[in-house]
Structures are given as structure tokens and as C-alpha cells.
Amino acid sequence: MHPLGMDLSLITEGNSFRLQPESVHGILWLQTHFEKSHWELLAEGLVTVKKSNASELIEDASNAGLNLSPIPALSSQANS
């Protein structure tokens, strides 16, 4: 597990976010949301999503009990 207890990190890359699994729970959760053909890229942290899709993923992952890395810019935008 990641030292901070994170299951999934979203790393800002321009106008997108790169999905970085930090635990087995993070990988398993991603596998339930993406096609099998993407699993290897997901496990390696090579998949990016648009900001609008990241908001939905964050909400769903949080509801599933995953610990996520904080994303201040996205969080403040979602609350406005």
C-alpha cells in the first residue's frame, strides 16, 4: 500500500488526470470500471481521463470506500 494509505491517486497532467493505482484495492476498483484490454495500462498508471470524468470517478471511488489522493483544484471546482 502507498505510504499515505492511498488506494488511488489522480495526478494532474494538463487538463487531464492520470490514474495511478496505489494498492490492490485501487487496481481491483479500476478493473471494475474499465475494459479488460485496458487493465495492463491501468496497473502501470498510464491511463488519463478528462477532468469531467475524473469528478465522476472520484465520487464513485469514494462511495466504494477507496482512499483517494486529494485533488484541491478538482474538489473546489466540484463544490462550486
PDB file of N, CA and C in Angstrom:
ATOM      1  N   MET A   1       0.848  -1.176   0.000  1.00  0.00           N
ATOM      2  CA  MET A   1       0.000   0.000   0.000  1.00  0.00           C
ATOM      3  C   MET A   1       0.890   1.234   0.000  1.00  0.00           C
ATOM      4  N   HIS A   2       0.396   2.293  -0.577  1.00  0.00           N
ATOM      5  CA  HIS A   2       1.085   3.577  -0.612  1.00  0.00           C
ATOM      6  C   HIS A   2       1.325   4.049   0.823  1.00  0.00           C
ATOM      7  N   PRO A   3       2.451   4.723   1.082  1.00  0.00           N
ATOM      8  CA  PRO A   3       2.769   5.148   2.453  1.00  0.00           C
ATOM      9  C   PRO A   3       1.689   5.985   3.123  1.00  0.00           C
ATOM     10  N   LEU A   4       0.910   6.727   2.360  1.00  0.00           N
ATOM     11  CA  LEU A   4      -0.130   7.564   2.950  1.00  0.00           C
ATOM     12  C   LEU A   4      -1.472   6.847   3.023  1.00  0.00           C
ATOM     13  N   GLY A   5      -1.490   5.552   2.715  1.00  0.00           N
ATOM     14  CA  GLY A   5      -2.712   4.772   2.790  1.00  0.00           C
ATOM     15  C   GLY A   5      -3.664   5.003   1.633  1.00  0.00           C
ATOM     16  N   MET A   6      -3.157   5.514   0.537  1.00  0.00           N
ATOM     17  CA  MET A   6      -3.995   5.786  -0.628  1.00  0.00           C
ATOM     18  C   MET A   6      -4.217   4.512  -1.440  1.00  0.00           C
ATOM     19  N   ASP A   7      -5.420   4.390  -1.999  1.00  0.00           N
ATOM     20  CA  ASP A   7      -5.729   3.304  -2.915  1.00  0.00           C
ATOM     21  C   ASP A   7      -5.596   3.752  -4.366  1.00  0.00           C
ATOM     22  N   LEU A   8      -5.866   5.051  -4.605  1.00  0.00           N
ATOM     23  CA  LEU A   8      -5.856   5.570  -5.966  1.00  0.00           C
ATOM     24  C   LEU A   8      -5.450   7.036  -5.942  1.00  0.00           C
ATOM     25  N   SER A   9      -4.508   7.376  -6.808  1.00  0.00           N
ATOM     26  CA  SER A   9      -4.102   8.770  -6.965  1.00  0.00           C
ATOM     27  C   SER A   9      -4.507   9.244  -8.344  1.00  0.00           C
ATOM     28  N   LEU A  10      -4.903  10.504  -8.428  1.00  0.00           N
ATOM     29  CA  LEU A  10      -5.150  11.146  -9.708  1.00  0.00           C
ATOM     30  C   LEU A  10      -4.129  12.265  -9.836  1.00  0.00           C
ATOM     31  N   ILE A  11      -3.279  12.155 -10.819  1.00  0.00           N
ATOM     32  CA  ILE A  11      -2.159  13.073 -10.982  1.00  0.00           C
ATOM     33  C   ILE A  11      -2.470  14.027 -12.134  1.00  0.00           C
ATOM     34  N   THR A  12      -2.429  15.326 -11.847  1.00  0.00           N
ATOM     35  CA  THR A  12      -2.742  16.334 -12.852  1.00  0.00           C
ATOM     36  C   THR A  12      -1.743  16.296 -13.986  1.00  0.00           C
ATOM     37  N   GLU A  13      -2.282  16.241 -15.207  1.00  0.00           N
ATOM     38  CA  GLU A  13      -1.470  16.318 -16.424  1.00  0.00           C
ATOM     39  C   GLU A  13      -2.205  17.213 -17.407  1.00  0.00           C
ATOM     40  N   GLY A  14      -1.922  18.534 -17.329  1.00  0.00           N
ATOM     41  CA  GLY A  14      -2.626  19.495 -18.178  1.00  0.00           C
ATOM     42  C   GLY A  14      -4.084  19.563 -17.788  1.00  0.00           C
ATOM     43  N   ASN A  15      -4.980  19.305 -18.746  1.00  0.00           N
ATOM     44  CA  ASN A  15      -6.423  19.328 -18.491  1.00  0.00           C
ATOM     45  C   ASN A  15      -6.968  17.943 -18.174  1.00  0.00           C
ATOM     46  N   SER A  16      -6.089  16.994 -17.931  1.00  0.00           N
ATOM     47  CA  SER A  16      -6.479  15.616 -17.645  1.00  0.00           C
ATOM     48  C   SER A  16      -5.865  15.154 -16.331  1.00  0.00           C
ATOM     49  N   PHE A  17      -6.278  13.964 -15.914  1.00  0.00           N
ATOM     50  CA  PHE A  17      -5.718  13.343 -14.720  1.00  0.00           C
ATOM     51  C   PHE A  17      -5.276  11.931 -15.061  1.00  0.00           C
ATOM     52  N   ARG A  18      -4.086  11.583 -14.626  1.00  0.00           N
ATOM     53  CA  ARG A  18      -3.568  10.227 -14.812  1.00  0.00           C
ATOM     54  C   ARG A  18      -3.974   9.405 -13.600  1.00  0.00           C
ATOM     55  N   LEU A  19      -4.543   8.233 -13.862  1.00  0.00           N
ATOM     56  CA  LEU A  19      -4.973   7.332 -12.783  1.00  0.00           C
ATOM     57  C   LEU A  19      -3.795   6.476 -12.355  1.00  0.00           C
ATOM     58  N   GLN A  20      -3.455   6.549 -11.079  1.00  0.00           N
ATOM     59  CA  GLN A  20      -2.321   5.793 -10.545  1.00  0.00           C
ATOM     60  C   GLN A  20      -2.799   4.922  -9.388  1.00  0.00           C
ATOM     61  N   PRO A  21      -2.961   3.620  -9.625  1.00  0.00           N
ATOM     62  CA  PRO A  21      -3.362   2.748  -8.511  1.00  0.00           C
ATOM     63  C   PRO A  21      -2.234   2.652  -7.489  1.00  0.00           C
ATOM     64  N   GLU A  22      -2.589   2.717  -6.218  1.00  0.00           N
ATOM     65  CA  GLU A  22      -1.597   2.690  -5.140  1.00  0.00           C
ATOM     66  C   GLU A  22      -1.737   1.445  -4.268  1.00  0.00           C
ATOM     67  N   SER A  23      -2.768   0.641  -4.531  1.00  0.00           N
ATOM     68  CA  SER A  23      -2.985  -0.574  -3.739  1.00  0.00           C
ATOM     69  C   SER A  23      -3.727  -1.597  -4.587  1.00  0.00           C
ATOM     70  N   VAL A  24      -3.814  -2.794  -4.065  1.00  0.00           N
ATOM     71  CA  VAL A  24      -4.592  -3.838  -4.731  1.00  0.00           C
ATOM     72  C   VAL A  24      -6.051  -3.400  -4.841  1.00  0.00           C
ATOM     73  N   HIS A  25      -6.562  -2.742  -3.816  1.00  0.00           N
ATOM     74  CA  HIS A  25      -7.948  -2.268  -3.852  1.00  0.00           C
ATOM     75  C   HIS A  25      -8.149  -1.276  -4.991  1.00  0.00           C
ATOM     76  N   GLY A  26      -7.175  -0.391  -5.187  1.00  0.00           N
ATOM     77  CA  GLY A  26      -7.256   0.574  -6.282  1.00  0.00           C
ATOM     78  C   GLY A  26      -7.261  -0.106  -7.641  1.00  0.00           C
ATOM     79  N   ILE A  27      -6.408  -1.104  -7.810  1.00  0.00           N
ATOM     80  CA  ILE A  27      -6.353  -1.837  -9.075  1.00  0.00           C
ATOM     81  C   ILE A  27      -7.662  -2.579  -9.319  1.00  0.00           C
ATOM     82  N   LEU A  28      -8.163  -3.277  -8.302  1.00  0.00           N
ATOM     83  CA  LEU A  28      -9.411  -4.021  -8.464  1.00  0.00           C
ATOM     84  C   LEU A  28     -10.581  -3.096  -8.796  1.00  0.00           C
ATOM     85  N   TRP A  29     -10.633  -1.949  -8.149  1.00  0.00           N
ATOM     86  CA  TRP A  29     -11.702  -0.999  -8.429  1.00  0.00           C
ATOM     87  C   TRP A  29     -11.617  -0.517  -9.873  1.00  0.00           C
ATOM     88  N   LEU A  30     -10.413  -0.186 -10.342  1.00  0.00           N
ATOM     89  CA  LEU A  30     -10.249   0.249 -11.724  1.00  0.00           C
ATOM     90  C   LEU A  30     -10.678  -0.835 -12.708  1.00  0.00           C
ATOM     91  N   GLN A  31     -10.375  -2.077 -12.370  1.00  0.00           N
ATOM     92  CA  GLN A  31     -10.744  -3.177 -13.261  1.00  0.00           C
ATOM     93  C   GLN A  31     -12.255  -3.323 -13.399  1.00  0.00           C
ATOM     94  N   THR A  32     -13.000  -2.891 -12.394  1.00  0.00           N
ATOM     95  CA  THR A  32     -14.457  -2.979 -12.492  1.00  0.00           C
ATOM     96  C   THR A  32     -15.051  -1.847 -13.320  1.00  0.00           C
ATOM     97  N   HIS A  33     -14.220  -0.848 -13.656  1.00  0.00           N
ATOM     98  CA  HIS A  33     -14.719   0.322 -14.371  1.00  0.00           C
ATOM     99  C   HIS A  33     -14.168   0.463 -15.795  1.00  0.00           C
ATOM    100  N   PHE A  34     -13.219  -0.378 -16.148  1.00  0.00           N
ATOM    101  CA  PHE A  34     -12.604  -0.291 -17.469  1.00  0.00           C
ATOM    102  C   PHE A  34     -12.539  -1.671 -18.102  1.00  0.00           C
ATOM    103  N   GLU A  35     -12.524  -1.697 -19.419  1.00  0.00           N
ATOM    104  CA  GLU A  35     -12.454  -2.951 -20.162  1.00  0.00           C
ATOM    105  C   GLU A  35     -11.139  -3.672 -19.904  1.00  0.00           C
ATOM    106  N   LYS A  36     -11.187  -4.989 -20.017  1.00  0.00           N
ATOM    107  CA  LYS A  36     -10.020  -5.834 -19.766  1.00  0.00           C
ATOM    108  C   LYS A  36      -8.819  -5.420 -20.621  1.00  0.00           C
ATOM    109  N   SER A  37      -9.064  -4.957 -21.832  1.00  0.00           N
ATOM    110  CA  SER A  37      -7.965  -4.561 -22.721  1.00  0.00           C
ATOM    111  C   SER A  37      -7.156  -3.385 -22.165  1.00  0.00           C
ATOM    112  N   HIS A  38      -7.694  -2.656 -21.162  1.00  0.00           N
ATOM    113  CA  HIS A  38      -7.003  -1.506 -20.576  1.00  0.00           C
ATOM    114  C   HIS A  38      -6.312  -1.827 -19.246  1.00  0.00           C
ATOM    115  N   TRP A  39      -6.517  -3.027 -18.727  1.00  0.00           N
ATOM    116  CA  TRP A  39      -6.037  -3.348 -17.377  1.00  0.00           C
ATOM    117  C   TRP A  39      -4.532  -3.190 -17.214  1.00  0.00           C
ATOM    118  N   GLU A  40      -3.751  -3.616 -18.182  1.00  0.00           N
ATOM    119  CA  GLU A  40      -2.294  -3.504 -18.047  1.00  0.00           C
ATOM    120  C   GLU A  40      -1.872  -2.032 -17.978  1.00  0.00           C
ATOM    121  N   LEU A  41      -2.444  -1.201 -18.825  1.00  0.00           N
ATOM    122  CA  LEU A  41      -2.131   0.229 -18.794  1.00  0.00           C
ATOM    123  C   LEU A  41      -2.574   0.853 -17.473  1.00  0.00           C
ATOM    124  N   LEU A  42      -3.723   0.428 -16.971  1.00  0.00           N
ATOM    125  CA  LEU A  42      -4.215   0.928 -15.682  1.00  0.00           C
ATOM    126  C   LEU A  42      -3.252   0.563 -14.554  1.00  0.00           C
ATOM    127  N   ALA A  43      -2.827  -0.688 -14.528  1.00  0.00           N
ATOM    128  CA  ALA A  43      -1.920  -1.160 -13.473  1.00  0.00           C
ATOM    129  C   ALA A  43      -0.594  -0.409 -13.496  1.00  0.00           C
ATOM    130  N   GLU A  44      -0.181   0.026 -14.683  1.00  0.00           N
ATOM    131  CA  GLU A  44       1.085   0.753 -14.818  1.00  0.00           C
ATOM    132  C   GLU A  44       0.910   2.257 -14.633  1.00  0.00           C
ATOM    133  N   GLY A  45      -0.327   2.710 -14.393  1.00  0.00           N
ATOM    134  CA  GLY A  45      -0.580   4.139 -14.180  1.00  0.00           C
ATOM    135  C   GLY A  45      -0.442   4.954 -15.449  1.00  0.00           C
ATOM    136  N   LEU A  46      -0.809   4.384 -16.589  1.00  0.00           N
ATOM    137  CA  LEU A  46      -0.638   5.052 -17.879  1.00  0.00           C
ATOM    138  C   LEU A  46      -1.939   5.528 -18.514  1.00  0.00           C
ATOM    139  N   VAL A  47      -3.042   5.506 -17.758  1.00  0.00           N
ATOM    140  CA  VAL A  47      -4.335   5.932 -18.290  1.00  0.00           C
ATOM    141  C   VAL A  47      -4.663   7.322 -17.769  1.00  0.00           C
ATOM    142  N   THR A  48      -5.106   8.194 -18.688  1.00  0.00           N
ATOM    143  CA  THR A  48      -5.554   9.532 -18.288  1.00  0.00           C
ATOM    144  C   THR A  48      -7.034   9.690 -18.613  1.00  0.00           C
ATOM    145  N   VAL A  49      -7.698  10.521 -17.813  1.00  0.00           N
ATOM    146  CA  VAL A  49      -9.112  10.824 -18.025  1.00  0.00           C
ATOM    147  C   VAL A  49      -9.294  12.336 -17.992  1.00  0.00           C
ATOM    148  N   LYS A  50     -10.345  12.799 -18.669  1.00  0.00           N
ATOM    149  CA  LYS A  50     -10.670  14.223 -18.660  1.00  0.00           C
ATOM    150  C   LYS A  50     -11.146  14.630 -17.276  1.00  0.00           C
ATOM    151  N   LYS A  51     -11.036  15.914 -16.991  1.00  0.00           N
ATOM    152  CA  LYS A  51     -11.425  16.445 -15.684  1.00  0.00           C
ATOM    153  C   LYS A  51     -12.874  16.113 -15.352  1.00  0.00           C
ATOM    154  N   SER A  52     -13.777  16.218 -16.335  1.00  0.00           N
ATOM    155  CA  SER A  52     -15.195  15.924 -16.075  1.00  0.00           C
ATOM    156  C   SER A  52     -15.396  14.457 -15.700  1.00  0.00           C
ATOM    157  N   ASN A  53     -14.674  13.551 -16.336  1.00  0.00           N
ATOM    158  CA  ASN A  53     -14.768  12.129 -15.997  1.00  0.00           C
ATOM    159  C   ASN A  53     -14.117  11.834 -14.655  1.00  0.00           C
ATOM    160  N   ALA A  54     -13.055  12.570 -14.337  1.00  0.00           N
ATOM    161  CA  ALA A  54     -12.368  12.370 -13.060  1.00  0.00           C
ATOM    162  C   ALA A  54     -13.304  12.661 -11.898  1.00  0.00           C
ATOM    163  N   SER A  55     -14.147  13.673 -12.022  1.00  0.00           N
ATOM    164  CA  SER A  55     -15.101  14.009 -10.952  1.00  0.00           C
ATOM    165  C   SER A  55     -16.027  12.830 -10.665  1.00  0.00           C
ATOM    166  N   GLU A  56     -16.524  12.208 -11.726  1.00  0.00           N
ATOM    167  CA  GLU A  56     -17.418  11.062 -11.556  1.00  0.00           C
ATOM    168  C   GLU A  56     -16.675   9.877 -10.944  1.00  0.00           C
ATOM    169  N   LEU A  57     -15.446   9.635 -11.395  1.00  0.00           N
ATOM    170  CA  LEU A  57     -14.655   8.529 -10.849  1.00  0.00           C
ATOM    171  C   LEU A  57     -14.353   8.738  -9.372  1.00  0.00           C
ATOM    172  N   ILE A  58     -14.029   9.969  -9.007  1.00  0.00           N
ATOM    173  CA  ILE A  58     -13.725  10.284  -7.608  1.00  0.00           C
ATOM    174  C   ILE A  58     -14.937  10.006  -6.727  1.00  0.00           C
ATOM    175  N   GLU A  59     -16.088  10.450  -7.171  1.00  0.00           N
ATOM    176  CA  GLU A  59     -17.303  10.238  -6.388  1.00  0.00           C
ATOM    177  C   GLU A  59     -17.590   8.744  -6.231  1.00  0.00           C
ATOM    178  N   ASP A  60     -17.501   8.011  -7.329  1.00  0.00           N
ATOM    179  CA  ASP A  60     -17.785   6.580  -7.285  1.00  0.00           C
ATOM    180  C   ASP A  60     -16.771   5.832  -6.423  1.00  0.00           C
ATOM    181  N   ALA A  61     -15.494   6.168  -6.578  1.00  0.00           N
ATOM    182  CA  ALA A  61     -14.448   5.506  -5.791  1.00  0.00           C
ATOM    183  C   ALA A  61     -14.614   5.818  -4.303  1.00  0.00           C
ATOM    184  N   SER A  62     -14.945   7.054  -3.985  1.00  0.00           N
ATOM    185  CA  SER A  62     -15.171   7.428  -2.579  1.00  0.00           C
ATOM    186  C   SER A  62     -16.348   6.657  -2.000  1.00  0.00           C
ATOM    187  N   ASN A  63     -17.421   6.556  -2.778  1.00  0.00           N
ATOM    188  CA  ASN A  63     -18.599   5.805  -2.328  1.00  0.00           C
ATOM    189  C   ASN A  63     -18.279   4.325  -2.127  1.00  0.00           C
ATOM    190  N   ALA A  64     -17.291   3.827  -2.871  1.00  0.00           N
ATOM    191  CA  ALA A  64     -16.886   2.423  -2.746  1.00  0.00           C
ATOM    192  C   ALA A  64     -15.924   2.210  -1.571  1.00  0.00           C
ATOM    193  N   GLY A  65     -15.528   3.301  -0.901  1.00  0.00           N
ATOM    194  CA  GLY A  65     -14.668   3.187   0.270  1.00  0.00           C
ATOM    195  C   GLY A  65     -13.180   3.297  -0.002  1.00  0.00           C
ATOM    196  N   LEU A  66     -12.790   3.684  -1.237  1.00  0.00           N
ATOM    197  CA  LEU A  66     -11.366   3.835  -1.539  1.00  0.00           C
ATOM    198  C   LEU A  66     -10.818   5.110  -0.921  1.00  0.00           C
ATOM    199  N   ASN A  67      -9.557   5.069  -0.536  1.00  0.00           N
ATOM    200  CA  ASN A  67      -8.846   6.250  -0.079  1.00  0.00           C
ATOM    201  C   ASN A  67      -8.177   6.866  -1.297  1.00  0.00           C
ATOM    202  N   LEU A  68      -8.521   8.136  -1.574  1.00  0.00           N
ATOM    203  CA  LEU A  68      -8.027   8.818  -2.763  1.00  0.00           C
ATOM    204  C   LEU A  68      -7.086   9.945  -2.394  1.00  0.00           C
ATOM    205  N   SER A  69      -6.157  10.219  -3.297  1.00  0.00           N
ATOM    206  CA  SER A  69      -5.285  11.368  -3.092  1.00  0.00           C
ATOM    207  C   SER A  69      -6.126  12.628  -3.225  1.00  0.00           C
ATOM    208  N   PRO A  70      -5.851  13.639  -2.417  1.00  0.00           N
ATOM    209  CA  PRO A  70      -6.619  14.881  -2.521  1.00  0.00           C
ATOM    210  C   PRO A  70      -6.264  15.623  -3.807  1.00  0.00           C
ATOM    211  N   ILE A  71      -7.281  16.208  -4.437  1.00  0.00           N
ATOM    212  CA  ILE A  71      -7.078  16.995  -5.651  1.00  0.00           C
ATOM    213  C   ILE A  71      -7.764  18.337  -5.421  1.00  0.00           C
ATOM    214  N   PRO A  72      -7.065  19.304  -4.814  1.00  0.00           N
ATOM    215  CA  PRO A  72      -7.706  20.570  -4.427  1.00  0.00           C
ATOM    216  C   PRO A  72      -8.394  21.284  -5.585  1.00  0.00           C
ATOM    217  N   ALA A  73      -7.789  21.369  -6.749  1.00  0.00           N
ATOM    218  CA  ALA A  73      -8.385  22.118  -7.863  1.00  0.00           C
ATOM    219  C   ALA A  73      -9.683  21.470  -8.302  1.00  0.00           C
ATOM    220  N   LEU A  74      -9.716  20.170  -8.379  1.00  0.00           N
ATOM    221  CA  LEU A  74     -10.914  19.466  -8.815  1.00  0.00           C
ATOM    222  C   LEU A  74     -11.980  19.518  -7.719  1.00  0.00           C
ATOM    223  N   SER A  75     -11.583  19.374  -6.469  1.00  0.00           N
ATOM    224  CA  SER A  75     -12.531  19.394  -5.363  1.00  0.00           C
ATOM    225  C   SER A  75     -13.214  20.745  -5.263  1.00  0.00           C
ATOM    226  N   SER A  76     -12.461  21.842  -5.375  1.00  0.00           N
ATOM    227  CA  SER A  76     -13.066  23.161  -5.258  1.00  0.00           C
ATOM    228  C   SER A  76     -13.968  23.451  -6.430  1.00  0.00           C
ATOM    229  N   GLN A  77     -13.650  22.942  -7.608  1.00  0.00           N
ATOM    230  CA  GLN A  77     -14.478  23.133  -8.782  1.00  0.00           C
ATOM    231  C   GLN A  77     -15.791  22.363  -8.645  1.00  0.00           C
ATOM    232  N   ALA A  78     -15.724  21.175  -8.104  1.00  0.00           N
ATOM    233  CA  ALA A  78     -16.912  20.338  -7.950  1.00  0.00           C
ATOM    234  C   ALA A  78     -17.879  20.943  -6.938  1.00  0.00           C
ATOM    235  N   ASN A  79     -17.362  21.681  -5.955  1.00  0.00           N
ATOM    236  CA  ASN A  79     -18.206  22.259  -4.913  1.00  0.00           C
ATOM    237  C   ASN A  79     -18.826  23.590  -5.313  1.00  0.00           C
ATOM    238  N   SER A  80     -18.416  24.171  -6.448  1.00  0.00           N
ATOM    239  CA  SER A  80     -18.941  25.488  -6.814  1.00  0.00           C
ATOM    240  C   SER A  80     -20.109  25.387  -7.761  1.00  0.00           C
TER     241      SER A  80
END
